[in-house]
Amino acid sequence: MITQTGHLTEDLEKDLELVSAELHNELVRAERELELEHAQLKALVGEDNPELVEQMKAMEESITRLYNGLEKAVLYLQLAQGESYILRQQMQSRLPATRLDRLSPVA
């Protein structure tokens, strides 16, 4: 049972790493898009139309909230990865030496 748990933990760690990498890439992409949209909107709106300026600010705030949400998700995933690593280390330290070789070390 412990080796199954070890494999589950290892699979979980791999899944967390993949999701974390995907979210990080999404953050980078979202940040680039935000910068482009901001520049385009600023060029289109200028300072002549106060109503459009307010709409632009509202859009920027909305996009920023979405970006912050993605950033927060990445942090939670990184925390889960760390907790998974700690759990794995605790499991390995409790196993007899003969069973440790069945659990591969975390890179």
PDB file of N, CA and C in Angstrom:
ATOM      1  N   MET A   1       0.815  -1.199   0.000  1.00  0.00           N
ATOM      2  CA  MET A   1       0.000   0.000   0.000  1.00  0.00           C
ATOM      3  C   MET A   1       0.858   1.263   0.000  1.00  0.00           C
ATOM      4  N   ILE A   2       1.945   1.217   0.739  1.00  0.00           N
ATOM      5  CA  ILE A   2       2.790   2.405   0.818  1.00  0.00           C
ATOM      6  C   ILE A   2       3.425   2.696  -0.535  1.00  0.00           C
ATOM      7  N   THR A   3       3.828   1.650  -1.263  1.00  0.00           N
ATOM      8  CA  THR A   3       4.422   1.905  -2.574  1.00  0.00           C
ATOM      9  C   THR A   3       3.384   2.467  -3.529  1.00  0.00           C
ATOM     10  N   GLN A   4       2.126   2.024  -3.420  1.00  0.00           N
ATOM     11  CA  GLN A   4       1.079   2.602  -4.243  1.00  0.00           C
ATOM     12  C   GLN A   4       0.913   4.078  -3.913  1.00  0.00           C
ATOM     13  N   THR A   5       0.932   4.401  -2.653  1.00  0.00           N
ATOM     14  CA  THR A   5       0.834   5.799  -2.243  1.00  0.00           C
ATOM     15  C   THR A   5       2.016   6.587  -2.782  1.00  0.00           C
ATOM     16  N   GLY A   6       3.190   5.963  -2.760  1.00  0.00           N
ATOM     17  CA  GLY A   6       4.370   6.625  -3.310  1.00  0.00           C
ATOM     18  C   GLY A   6       4.217   6.916  -4.784  1.00  0.00           C
ATOM     19  N   HIS A   7       3.667   5.950  -5.517  1.00  0.00           N
ATOM     20  CA  HIS A   7       3.446   6.167  -6.948  1.00  0.00           C
ATOM     21  C   HIS A   7       2.371   7.216  -7.181  1.00  0.00           C
ATOM     22  N   LEU A   8       1.333   7.198  -6.343  1.00  0.00           N
ATOM     23  CA  LEU A   8       0.303   8.224  -6.458  1.00  0.00           C
ATOM     24  C   LEU A   8       0.886   9.605  -6.203  1.00  0.00           C
ATOM     25  N   THR A   9       1.728   9.700  -5.198  1.00  0.00           N
ATOM     26  CA  THR A   9       2.361  10.980  -4.881  1.00  0.00           C
ATOM     27  C   THR A   9       3.238  11.431  -6.039  1.00  0.00           C
ATOM     28  N   GLU A  10       3.983  10.503  -6.611  1.00  0.00           N
ATOM     29  CA  GLU A  10       4.847  10.830  -7.750  1.00  0.00           C
ATOM     30  C   GLU A  10       4.013  11.295  -8.938  1.00  0.00           C
ATOM     31  N   ASP A  11       2.917  10.594  -9.225  1.00  0.00           N
ATOM     32  CA  ASP A  11       2.032  10.996 -10.320  1.00  0.00           C
ATOM     33  C   ASP A  11       1.421  12.363 -10.054  1.00  0.00           C
ATOM     34  N   LEU A  12       1.027  12.595  -8.807  1.00  0.00           N
ATOM     35  CA  LEU A  12       0.472  13.893  -8.437  1.00  0.00           C
ATOM     36  C   LEU A  12       1.487  15.004  -8.647  1.00  0.00           C
ATOM     37  N   GLU A  13       2.717  14.756  -8.249  1.00  0.00           N
ATOM     38  CA  GLU A  13       3.775  15.757  -8.417  1.00  0.00           C
ATOM     39  C   GLU A  13       3.979  16.078  -9.891  1.00  0.00           C
ATOM     40  N   LYS A  14       3.978  15.046 -10.738  1.00  0.00           N
ATOM     41  CA  LYS A  14       4.145  15.275 -12.180  1.00  0.00           C
ATOM     42  C   LYS A  14       2.980  16.088 -12.729  1.00  0.00           C
ATOM     43  N   ASP A  15       1.756  15.723 -12.318  1.00  0.00           N
ATOM     44  CA  ASP A  15       0.584  16.467 -12.769  1.00  0.00           C
ATOM     45  C   ASP A  15       0.648  17.921 -12.317  1.00  0.00           C
ATOM     46  N   LEU A  16       1.038  18.140 -11.071  1.00  0.00           N
ATOM     47  CA  LEU A  16       1.150  19.505 -10.556  1.00  0.00           C
ATOM     48  C   LEU A  16       2.198  20.299 -11.320  1.00  0.00           C
ATOM     49  N   GLU A  17       3.306  19.652 -11.654  1.00  0.00           N
ATOM     50  CA  GLU A  17       4.347  20.338 -12.419  1.00  0.00           C
ATOM     51  C   GLU A  17       3.829  20.747 -13.789  1.00  0.00           C
ATOM     52  N   LEU A  18       3.098  19.845 -14.454  1.00  0.00           N
ATOM     53  CA  LEU A  18       2.554  20.157 -15.777  1.00  0.00           C
ATOM     54  C   LEU A  18       1.550  21.301 -15.712  1.00  0.00           C
ATOM     55  N   VAL A  19       0.641  21.228 -14.762  1.00  0.00           N
ATOM     56  CA  VAL A  19      -0.367  22.279 -14.630  1.00  0.00           C
ATOM     57  C   VAL A  19       0.292  23.603 -14.267  1.00  0.00           C
ATOM     58  N   SER A  20       1.275  23.558 -13.395  1.00  0.00           N
ATOM     59  CA  SER A  20       1.982  24.772 -13.003  1.00  0.00           C
ATOM     60  C   SER A  20       2.686  25.399 -14.203  1.00  0.00           C
ATOM     61  N   ALA A  21       3.327  24.568 -15.019  1.00  0.00           N
ATOM     62  CA  ALA A  21       4.009  25.078 -16.214  1.00  0.00           C
ATOM     63  C   ALA A  21       3.004  25.685 -17.187  1.00  0.00           C
ATOM     64  N   GLU A  22       1.863  25.017 -17.367  1.00  0.00           N
ATOM     65  CA  GLU A  22       0.838  25.548 -18.264  1.00  0.00           C
ATOM     66  C   GLU A  22       0.289  26.878 -17.749  1.00  0.00           C
ATOM     67  N   LEU A  23       0.040  26.954 -16.461  1.00  0.00           N
ATOM     68  CA  LEU A  23      -0.458  28.204 -15.891  1.00  0.00           C
ATOM     69  C   LEU A  23       0.573  29.322 -15.998  1.00  0.00           C
ATOM     70  N   HIS A  24       1.827  28.980 -15.781  1.00  0.00           N
ATOM     71  CA  HIS A  24       2.879  29.990 -15.912  1.00  0.00           C
ATOM     72  C   HIS A  24       2.915  30.518 -17.346  1.00  0.00           C
ATOM     73  N   ASN A  25       2.847  29.612 -18.321  1.00  0.00           N
ATOM     74  CA  ASN A  25       2.830  30.036 -19.725  1.00  0.00           C
ATOM     75  C   ASN A  25       1.612  30.906 -20.011  1.00  0.00           C
ATOM     76  N   GLU A  26       0.483  30.548 -19.424  1.00  0.00           N
ATOM     77  CA  GLU A  26      -0.731  31.337 -19.607  1.00  0.00           C
ATOM     78  C   GLU A  26      -0.576  32.725 -18.982  1.00  0.00           C
ATOM     79  N   LEU A  27       0.089  32.799 -17.849  1.00  0.00           N
ATOM     80  CA  LEU A  27       0.352  34.094 -17.215  1.00  0.00           C
ATOM     81  C   LEU A  27       1.209  34.983 -18.110  1.00  0.00           C
ATOM     82  N   VAL A  28       2.250  34.410 -18.670  1.00  0.00           N
ATOM     83  CA  VAL A  28       3.136  35.171 -19.548  1.00  0.00           C
ATOM     84  C   VAL A  28       2.360  35.671 -20.759  1.00  0.00           C
ATOM     85  N   ARG A  29       1.552  34.779 -21.353  1.00  0.00           N
ATOM     86  CA  ARG A  29       0.751  35.160 -22.514  1.00  0.00           C
ATOM     87  C   ARG A  29      -0.248  36.257 -22.142  1.00  0.00           C
ATOM     88  N   ALA A  30      -0.919  36.103 -21.003  1.00  0.00           N
ATOM     89  CA  ALA A  30      -1.909  37.092 -20.570  1.00  0.00           C
ATOM     90  C   ALA A  30      -1.252  38.443 -20.311  1.00  0.00           C
ATOM     91  N   GLU A  31      -0.068  38.419 -19.739  1.00  0.00           N
ATOM     92  CA  GLU A  31       0.641  39.670 -19.470  1.00  0.00           C
ATOM     93  C   GLU A  31       0.996  40.384 -20.770  1.00  0.00           C
ATOM     94  N   ARG A  32       1.463  39.632 -21.748  1.00  0.00           N
ATOM     95  CA  ARG A  32       1.787  40.235 -23.055  1.00  0.00           C
ATOM     96  C   ARG A  32       0.539  40.824 -23.699  1.00  0.00           C
ATOM     97  N   GLU A  33      -0.558  40.055 -23.665  1.00  0.00           N
ATOM     98  CA  GLU A  33      -1.801  40.538 -24.259  1.00  0.00           C
ATOM     99  C   GLU A  33      -2.306  41.783 -23.544  1.00  0.00           C
ATOM    100  N   LEU A  34      -2.182  41.797 -22.239  1.00  0.00           N
ATOM    101  CA  LEU A  34      -2.612  42.957 -21.459  1.00  0.00           C
ATOM    102  C   LEU A  34      -1.824  44.197 -21.866  1.00  0.00           C
ATOM    103  N   GLU A  35      -0.529  44.052 -22.015  1.00  0.00           N
ATOM    104  CA  GLU A  35       0.302  45.188 -22.416  1.00  0.00           C
ATOM    105  C   GLU A  35      -0.067  45.674 -23.815  1.00  0.00           C
ATOM    106  N   LEU A  36      -0.296  44.735 -24.742  1.00  0.00           N
ATOM    107  CA  LEU A  36      -0.682  45.109 -26.106  1.00  0.00           C
ATOM    108  C   LEU A  36      -2.042  45.805 -26.127  1.00  0.00           C
ATOM    109  N   GLU A  37      -3.016  45.221 -25.439  1.00  0.00           N
ATOM    110  CA  GLU A  37      -4.352  45.811 -25.390  1.00  0.00           C
ATOM    111  C   GLU A  37      -4.312  47.208 -24.781  1.00  0.00           C
ATOM    112  N   HIS A  38      -3.542  47.350 -23.735  1.00  0.00           N
ATOM    113  CA  HIS A  38      -3.429  48.650 -23.075  1.00  0.00           C
ATOM    114  C   HIS A  38      -2.873  49.694 -24.047  1.00  0.00           C
ATOM    115  N   ALA A  39      -1.820  49.331 -24.735  1.00  0.00           N
ATOM    116  CA  ALA A  39      -1.213  50.271 -25.685  1.00  0.00           C
ATOM    117  C   ALA A  39      -2.181  50.612 -26.816  1.00  0.00           C
ATOM    118  N   GLN A  40      -2.883  49.596 -27.329  1.00  0.00           N
ATOM    119  CA  GLN A  40      -3.829  49.839 -28.421  1.00  0.00           C
ATOM    120  C   GLN A  40      -4.995  50.712 -27.968  1.00  0.00           C
ATOM    121  N   LEU A  41      -5.533  50.400 -26.793  1.00  0.00           N
ATOM    122  CA  LEU A  41      -6.647  51.197 -26.287  1.00  0.00           C
ATOM    123  C   LEU A  41      -6.236  52.636 -26.024  1.00  0.00           C
ATOM    124  N   LYS A  42      -5.069  52.796 -25.475  1.00  0.00           N
ATOM    125  CA  LYS A  42      -4.585  54.146 -25.184  1.00  0.00           C
ATOM    126  C   LYS A  42      -4.420  54.942 -26.481  1.00  0.00           C
ATOM    127  N   ALA A  43      -3.910  54.281 -27.512  1.00  0.00           N
ATOM    128  CA  ALA A  43      -3.732  54.956 -28.796  1.00  0.00           C
ATOM    129  C   ALA A  43      -5.078  55.315 -29.425  1.00  0.00           C
ATOM    130  N   LEU A  44      -6.060  54.431 -29.289  1.00  0.00           N
ATOM    131  CA  LEU A  44      -7.376  54.681 -29.878  1.00  0.00           C
ATOM    132  C   LEU A  44      -8.157  55.749 -29.127  1.00  0.00           C
ATOM    133  N   VAL A  45      -8.117  55.687 -27.820  1.00  0.00           N
ATOM    134  CA  VAL A  45      -8.948  56.560 -27.005  1.00  0.00           C
ATOM    135  C   VAL A  45      -8.358  57.952 -26.887  1.00  0.00           C
ATOM    136  N   GLY A  46      -7.069  58.001 -26.621  1.00  0.00           N
ATOM    137  CA  GLY A  46      -6.459  59.301 -26.385  1.00  0.00           C
ATOM    138  C   GLY A  46      -7.049  59.919 -25.127  1.00  0.00           C
ATOM    139  N   GLU A  47      -7.082  61.194 -25.047  1.00  0.00           N
ATOM    140  CA  GLU A  47      -7.623  61.880 -23.868  1.00  0.00           C
ATOM    141  C   GLU A  47      -8.857  62.703 -24.232  1.00  0.00           C
ATOM    142  N   ASP A  48      -9.335  62.559 -25.469  1.00  0.00           N
ATOM    143  CA  ASP A  48     -10.438  63.398 -25.938  1.00  0.00           C
ATOM    144  C   ASP A  48     -11.804  62.981 -25.406  1.00  0.00           C
ATOM    145  N   ASN A  49     -11.994  61.695 -25.171  1.00  0.00           N
ATOM    146  CA  ASN A  49     -13.309  61.206 -24.796  1.00  0.00           C
ATOM    147  C   ASN A  49     -13.283  60.628 -23.382  1.00  0.00           C
ATOM    148  N   PRO A  50     -13.754  61.389 -22.389  1.00  0.00           N
ATOM    149  CA  PRO A  50     -13.700  60.917 -21.000  1.00  0.00           C
ATOM    150  C   PRO A  50     -14.490  59.620 -20.776  1.00  0.00           C
ATOM    151  N   GLU A  51     -15.580  59.433 -21.513  1.00  0.00           N
ATOM    152  CA  GLU A  51     -16.385  58.217 -21.366  1.00  0.00           C
ATOM    153  C   GLU A  51     -15.587  56.985 -21.803  1.00  0.00           C
ATOM    154  N   LEU A  52     -14.894  57.103 -22.911  1.00  0.00           N
ATOM    155  CA  LEU A  52     -14.063  55.994 -23.383  1.00  0.00           C
ATOM    156  C   LEU A  52     -12.883  55.746 -22.449  1.00  0.00           C
ATOM    157  N   VAL A  53     -12.348  56.809 -21.898  1.00  0.00           N
ATOM    158  CA  VAL A  53     -11.241  56.666 -20.948  1.00  0.00           C
ATOM    159  C   VAL A  53     -11.712  55.866 -19.736  1.00  0.00           C
ATOM    160  N   GLU A  54     -12.915  56.152 -19.239  1.00  0.00           N
ATOM    161  CA  GLU A  54     -13.466  55.414 -18.097  1.00  0.00           C
ATOM    162  C   GLU A  54     -13.704  53.949 -18.450  1.00  0.00           C
ATOM    163  N   GLN A  55     -14.216  53.696 -19.661  1.00  0.00           N
ATOM    164  CA  GLN A  55     -14.426  52.314 -20.104  1.00  0.00           C
ATOM    165  C   GLN A  55     -13.094  51.570 -20.181  1.00  0.00           C
ATOM    166  N   MET A  56     -12.090  52.258 -20.670  1.00  0.00           N
ATOM    167  CA  MET A  56     -10.770  51.649 -20.771  1.00  0.00           C
ATOM    168  C   MET A  56     -10.235  51.297 -19.383  1.00  0.00           C
ATOM    169  N   LYS A  57     -10.406  52.202 -18.442  1.00  0.00           N
ATOM    170  CA  LYS A  57      -9.939  51.941 -17.077  1.00  0.00           C
ATOM    171  C   LYS A  57     -10.667  50.735 -16.483  1.00  0.00           C
ATOM    172  N   ALA A  58     -11.975  50.642 -16.724  1.00  0.00           N
ATOM    173  CA  ALA A  58     -12.751  49.509 -16.212  1.00  0.00           C
ATOM    174  C   ALA A  58     -12.266  48.202 -16.836  1.00  0.00           C
ATOM    175  N   MET A  59     -11.976  48.234 -18.125  1.00  0.00           N
ATOM    176  CA  MET A  59     -11.458  47.036 -18.798  1.00  0.00           C
ATOM    177  C   MET A  59     -10.094  46.652 -18.239  1.00  0.00           C
ATOM    178  N   GLU A  60      -9.250  47.630 -18.028  1.00  0.00           N
ATOM    179  CA  GLU A  60      -7.922  47.363 -17.470  1.00  0.00           C
ATOM    180  C   GLU A  60      -8.032  46.724 -16.088  1.00  0.00           C
ATOM    181  N   GLU A  61      -8.939  47.244 -15.271  1.00  0.00           N
ATOM    182  CA  GLU A  61      -9.129  46.686 -13.929  1.00  0.00           C
ATOM    183  C   GLU A  61      -9.622  45.246 -14.003  1.00  0.00           C
ATOM    184  N   SER A  62     -10.538  44.986 -14.919  1.00  0.00           N
ATOM    185  CA  SER A  62     -11.068  43.634 -15.085  1.00  0.00           C
ATOM    186  C   SER A  62      -9.977  42.667 -15.538  1.00  0.00           C
ATOM    187  N   ILE A  63      -9.196  43.089 -16.502  1.00  0.00           N
ATOM    188  CA  ILE A  63      -8.107  42.247 -17.007  1.00  0.00           C
ATOM    189  C   ILE A  63      -7.067  42.028 -15.914  1.00  0.00           C
ATOM    190  N   THR A  64      -6.789  43.058 -15.157  1.00  0.00           N
ATOM    191  CA  THR A  64      -5.818  42.934 -14.066  1.00  0.00           C
ATOM    192  C   THR A  64      -6.307  41.942 -13.017  1.00  0.00           C
ATOM    193  N   ARG A  65      -7.607  41.987 -12.699  1.00  0.00           N
ATOM    194  CA  ARG A  65      -8.161  41.015 -11.740  1.00  0.00           C
ATOM    195  C   ARG A  65      -8.017  39.588 -12.271  1.00  0.00           C
ATOM    196  N   LEU A  66      -8.293  39.391 -13.551  1.00  0.00           N
ATOM    197  CA  LEU A  66      -8.136  38.062 -14.150  1.00  0.00           C
ATOM    198  C   LEU A  66      -6.683  37.611 -14.091  1.00  0.00           C
ATOM    199  N   TYR A  67      -5.787  38.504 -14.420  1.00  0.00           N
ATOM    200  CA  TYR A  67      -4.358  38.189 -14.375  1.00  0.00           C
ATOM    201  C   TYR A  67      -3.939  37.828 -12.951  1.00  0.00           C
ATOM    202  N   ASN A  68      -4.390  38.606 -11.987  1.00  0.00           N
ATOM    203  CA  ASN A  68      -4.053  38.327 -10.587  1.00  0.00           C
ATOM    204  C   ASN A  68      -4.605  36.979 -10.148  1.00  0.00           C
ATOM    205  N   GLY A  69      -5.785  36.621 -10.654  1.00  0.00           N
ATOM    206  CA  GLY A  69      -6.356  35.313 -10.353  1.00  0.00           C
ATOM    207  C   GLY A  69      -5.494  34.188 -10.893  1.00  0.00           C
ATOM    208  N   LEU A  70      -5.003  34.352 -12.114  1.00  0.00           N
ATOM    209  CA  LEU A  70      -4.098  33.352 -12.686  1.00  0.00           C
ATOM    210  C   LEU A  70      -2.816  33.260 -11.874  1.00  0.00           C
ATOM    211  N   GLU A  71      -2.294  34.396 -11.499  1.00  0.00           N
ATOM    212  CA  GLU A  71      -1.062  34.432 -10.713  1.00  0.00           C
ATOM    213  C   GLU A  71      -1.260  33.727  -9.365  1.00  0.00           C
ATOM    214  N   LYS A  72      -2.404  33.949  -8.761  1.00  0.00           N
ATOM    215  CA  LYS A  72      -2.723  33.310  -7.487  1.00  0.00           C
ATOM    216  C   LYS A  72      -2.823  31.790  -7.659  1.00  0.00           C
ATOM    217  N   ALA A  73      -3.422  31.352  -8.765  1.00  0.00           N
ATOM    218  CA  ALA A  73      -3.540  29.916  -9.036  1.00  0.00           C
ATOM    219  C   ALA A  73      -2.166  29.273  -9.156  1.00  0.00           C
ATOM    220  N   VAL A  74      -1.235  29.959  -9.803  1.00  0.00           N
ATOM    221  CA  VAL A  74       0.126  29.438  -9.927  1.00  0.00           C
ATOM    222  C   VAL A  74       0.762  29.310  -8.546  1.00  0.00           C
ATOM    223  N   LEU A  75       0.568  30.299  -7.704  1.00  0.00           N
ATOM    224  CA  LEU A  75       1.131  30.239  -6.353  1.00  0.00           C
ATOM    225  C   LEU A  75       0.553  29.070  -5.562  1.00  0.00           C
ATOM    226  N   TYR A  76      -0.761  28.843  -5.690  1.00  0.00           N
ATOM    227  CA  TYR A  76      -1.375  27.708  -5.001  1.00  0.00           C
ATOM    228  C   TYR A  76      -0.819  26.384  -5.512  1.00  0.00           C
ATOM    229  N   LEU A  77      -0.604  26.300  -6.821  1.00  0.00           N
ATOM    230  CA  LEU A  77      -0.023  25.076  -7.376  1.00  0.00           C
ATOM    231  C   LEU A  77       1.393  24.862  -6.880  1.00  0.00           C
ATOM    232  N   GLN A  78       2.162  25.924  -6.813  1.00  0.00           N
ATOM    233  CA  GLN A  78       3.527  25.794  -6.310  1.00  0.00           C
ATOM    234  C   GLN A  78       3.522  25.366  -4.845  1.00  0.00           C
ATOM    235  N   LEU A  79       2.578  25.881  -4.082  1.00  0.00           N
ATOM    236  CA  LEU A  79       2.437  25.467  -2.689  1.00  0.00           C
ATOM    237  C   LEU A  79       2.076  23.984  -2.604  1.00  0.00           C
ATOM    238  N   ALA A  80       1.153  23.546  -3.454  1.00  0.00           N
ATOM    239  CA  ALA A  80       0.765  22.133  -3.465  1.00  0.00           C
ATOM    240  C   ALA A  80       1.943  21.251  -3.852  1.00  0.00           C
ATOM    241  N   GLN A  81       2.762  21.716  -4.793  1.00  0.00           N
ATOM    242  CA  GLN A  81       3.956  20.956  -5.171  1.00  0.00           C
ATOM    243  C   GLN A  81       4.890  20.813  -3.976  1.00  0.00           C
ATOM    244  N   GLY A  82       5.081  21.883  -3.252  1.00  0.00           N
ATOM    245  CA  GLY A  82       5.953  21.838  -2.080  1.00  0.00           C
ATOM    246  C   GLY A  82       5.409  20.901  -1.017  1.00  0.00           C
ATOM    247  N   GLU A  83       4.096  20.961  -0.791  1.00  0.00           N
ATOM    248  CA  GLU A  83       3.485  20.073   0.192  1.00  0.00           C
ATOM    249  C   GLU A  83       3.598  18.616  -0.241  1.00  0.00           C
ATOM    250  N   SER A  84       3.442  18.369  -1.535  1.00  0.00           N
ATOM    251  CA  SER A  84       3.575  17.010  -2.059  1.00  0.00           C
ATOM    252  C   SER A  84       4.997  16.502  -1.862  1.00  0.00           C
ATOM    253  N   TYR A  85       5.957  17.365  -2.099  1.00  0.00           N
ATOM    254  CA  TYR A  85       7.360  16.989  -1.908  1.00  0.00           C
ATOM    255  C   TYR A  85       7.626  16.654  -0.438  1.00  0.00           C
ATOM    256  N   ILE A  86       7.108  17.476   0.462  1.00  0.00           N
ATOM    257  CA  ILE A  86       7.297  17.237   1.901  1.00  0.00           C
ATOM    258  C   ILE A  86       6.644  15.921   2.306  1.00  0.00           C
ATOM    259  N   LEU A  87       5.430  15.674   1.815  1.00  0.00           N
ATOM    260  CA  LEU A  87       4.740  14.418   2.116  1.00  0.00           C
ATOM    261  C   LEU A  87       5.559  13.231   1.638  1.00  0.00           C
ATOM    262  N   ARG A  88       6.089  13.336   0.447  1.00  0.00           N
ATOM    263  CA  ARG A  88       6.910  12.258  -0.115  1.00  0.00           C
ATOM    264  C   ARG A  88       8.146  12.021   0.755  1.00  0.00           C
ATOM    265  N   GLN A  89       8.792  13.086   1.180  1.00  0.00           N
ATOM    266  CA  GLN A  89       9.974  12.949   2.030  1.00  0.00           C
ATOM    267  C   GLN A  89       9.609  12.303   3.366  1.00  0.00           C
ATOM    268  N   GLN A  90       8.472  12.687   3.918  1.00  0.00           N
ATOM    269  CA  GLN A  90       8.026  12.098   5.178  1.00  0.00           C
ATOM    270  C   GLN A  90       7.727  10.614   5.007  1.00  0.00           C
ATOM    271  N   MET A  91       7.091  10.265   3.890  1.00  0.00           N
ATOM    272  CA  MET A  91       6.787   8.856   3.631  1.00  0.00           C
ATOM    273  C   MET A  91       8.070   8.049   3.498  1.00  0.00           C
ATOM    274  N   GLN A  92       9.024   8.596   2.774  1.00  0.00           N
ATOM    275  CA  GLN A  92      10.276   7.875   2.569  1.00  0.00           C
ATOM    276  C   GLN A  92      11.036   7.702   3.877  1.00  0.00           C
ATOM    277  N   SER A  93      10.960   8.678   4.744  1.00  0.00           N
ATOM    278  CA  SER A  93      11.698   8.576   6.006  1.00  0.00           C
ATOM    279  C   SER A  93      11.066   7.556   6.951  1.00  0.00           C
ATOM    280  N   ARG A  94       9.802   7.228   6.742  1.00  0.00           N
ATOM    281  CA  ARG A  94       9.114   6.257   7.597  1.00  0.00           C
ATOM    282  C   ARG A  94       9.239   4.821   7.093  1.00  0.00           C
ATOM    283  N   LEU A  95       9.630   4.634   5.834  1.00  0.00           N
ATOM    284  CA  LEU A  95       9.725   3.291   5.258  1.00  0.00           C
ATOM    285  C   LEU A  95      11.016   2.612   5.669  1.00  0.00           C
ATOM    286  N   PRO A  96      10.972   1.285   5.806  1.00  0.00           N
ATOM    287  CA  PRO A  96      12.227   0.561   6.037  1.00  0.00           C
ATOM    288  C   PRO A  96      13.148   0.720   4.826  1.00  0.00           C
ATOM    289  N   ALA A  97      14.428   0.603   5.033  1.00  0.00           N
ATOM    290  CA  ALA A  97      15.413   0.814   3.966  1.00  0.00           C
ATOM    291  C   ALA A  97      15.157  -0.096   2.774  1.00  0.00           C
ATOM    292  N   THR A  98      14.653  -1.293   2.979  1.00  0.00           N
ATOM    293  CA  THR A  98      14.422  -2.217   1.869  1.00  0.00           C
ATOM    294  C   THR A  98      13.304  -1.754   0.960  1.00  0.00           C
ATOM    295  N   ARG A  99      12.407  -0.925   1.442  1.00  0.00           N
ATOM    296  CA  ARG A  99      11.288  -0.475   0.619  1.00  0.00           C
ATOM    297  C   ARG A  99      11.551   0.889  -0.014  1.00  0.00           C
ATOM    298  N   LEU A 100      12.561   1.576   0.428  1.00  0.00           N
ATOM    299  CA  LEU A 100      12.863   2.904  -0.115  1.00  0.00           C
ATOM    300  C   LEU A 100      13.243   2.854  -1.580  1.00  0.00           C
ATOM    301  N   ASP A 101      13.858   1.763  -2.012  1.00  0.00           N
ATOM    302  CA  ASP A 101      14.300   1.688  -3.401  1.00  0.00           C
ATOM    303  C   ASP A 101      13.122   1.633  -4.372  1.00  0.00           C
ATOM    304  N   ARG A 102      11.932   1.342  -3.909  1.00  0.00           N
ATOM    305  CA  ARG A 102      10.752   1.299  -4.777  1.00  0.00           C
ATOM    306  C   ARG A 102      10.214   2.697  -5.081  1.00  0.00           C
ATOM    307  N   LEU A 103      10.545   3.641  -4.250  1.00  0.00           N
ATOM    308  CA  LEU A 103      10.109   5.021  -4.469  1.00  0.00           C
ATOM    309  C   LEU A 103      11.254   5.800  -5.093  1.00  0.00           C
ATOM    310  N   SER A 104      11.008   6.315  -6.270  1.00  0.00           N
ATOM    311  CA  SER A 104      12.071   7.077  -6.914  1.00  0.00           C
ATOM    312  C   SER A 104      12.188   8.439  -6.254  1.00  0.00           C
ATOM    313  N   PRO A 105      13.387   8.994  -6.175  1.00  0.00           N
ATOM    314  CA  PRO A 105      13.557  10.316  -5.556  1.00  0.00           C
ATOM    315  C   PRO A 105      12.931  11.405  -6.410  1.00  0.00           C
ATOM    316  N   VAL A 106      12.542  12.468  -5.759  1.00  0.00           N
ATOM    317  CA  VAL A 106      11.965  13.613  -6.450  1.00  0.00           C
ATOM    318  C   VAL A 106      13.095  14.487  -6.945  1.00  0.00           C
ATOM    319  N   ALA A 107      12.996  14.896  -8.205  1.00  0.00           N
ATOM    320  CA  ALA A 107      14.042  15.751  -8.782  1.00  0.00           C
ATOM    321  C   ALA A 107      13.798  17.178  -8.421  1.00  0.00           C
TER     322      ALA A 107
END
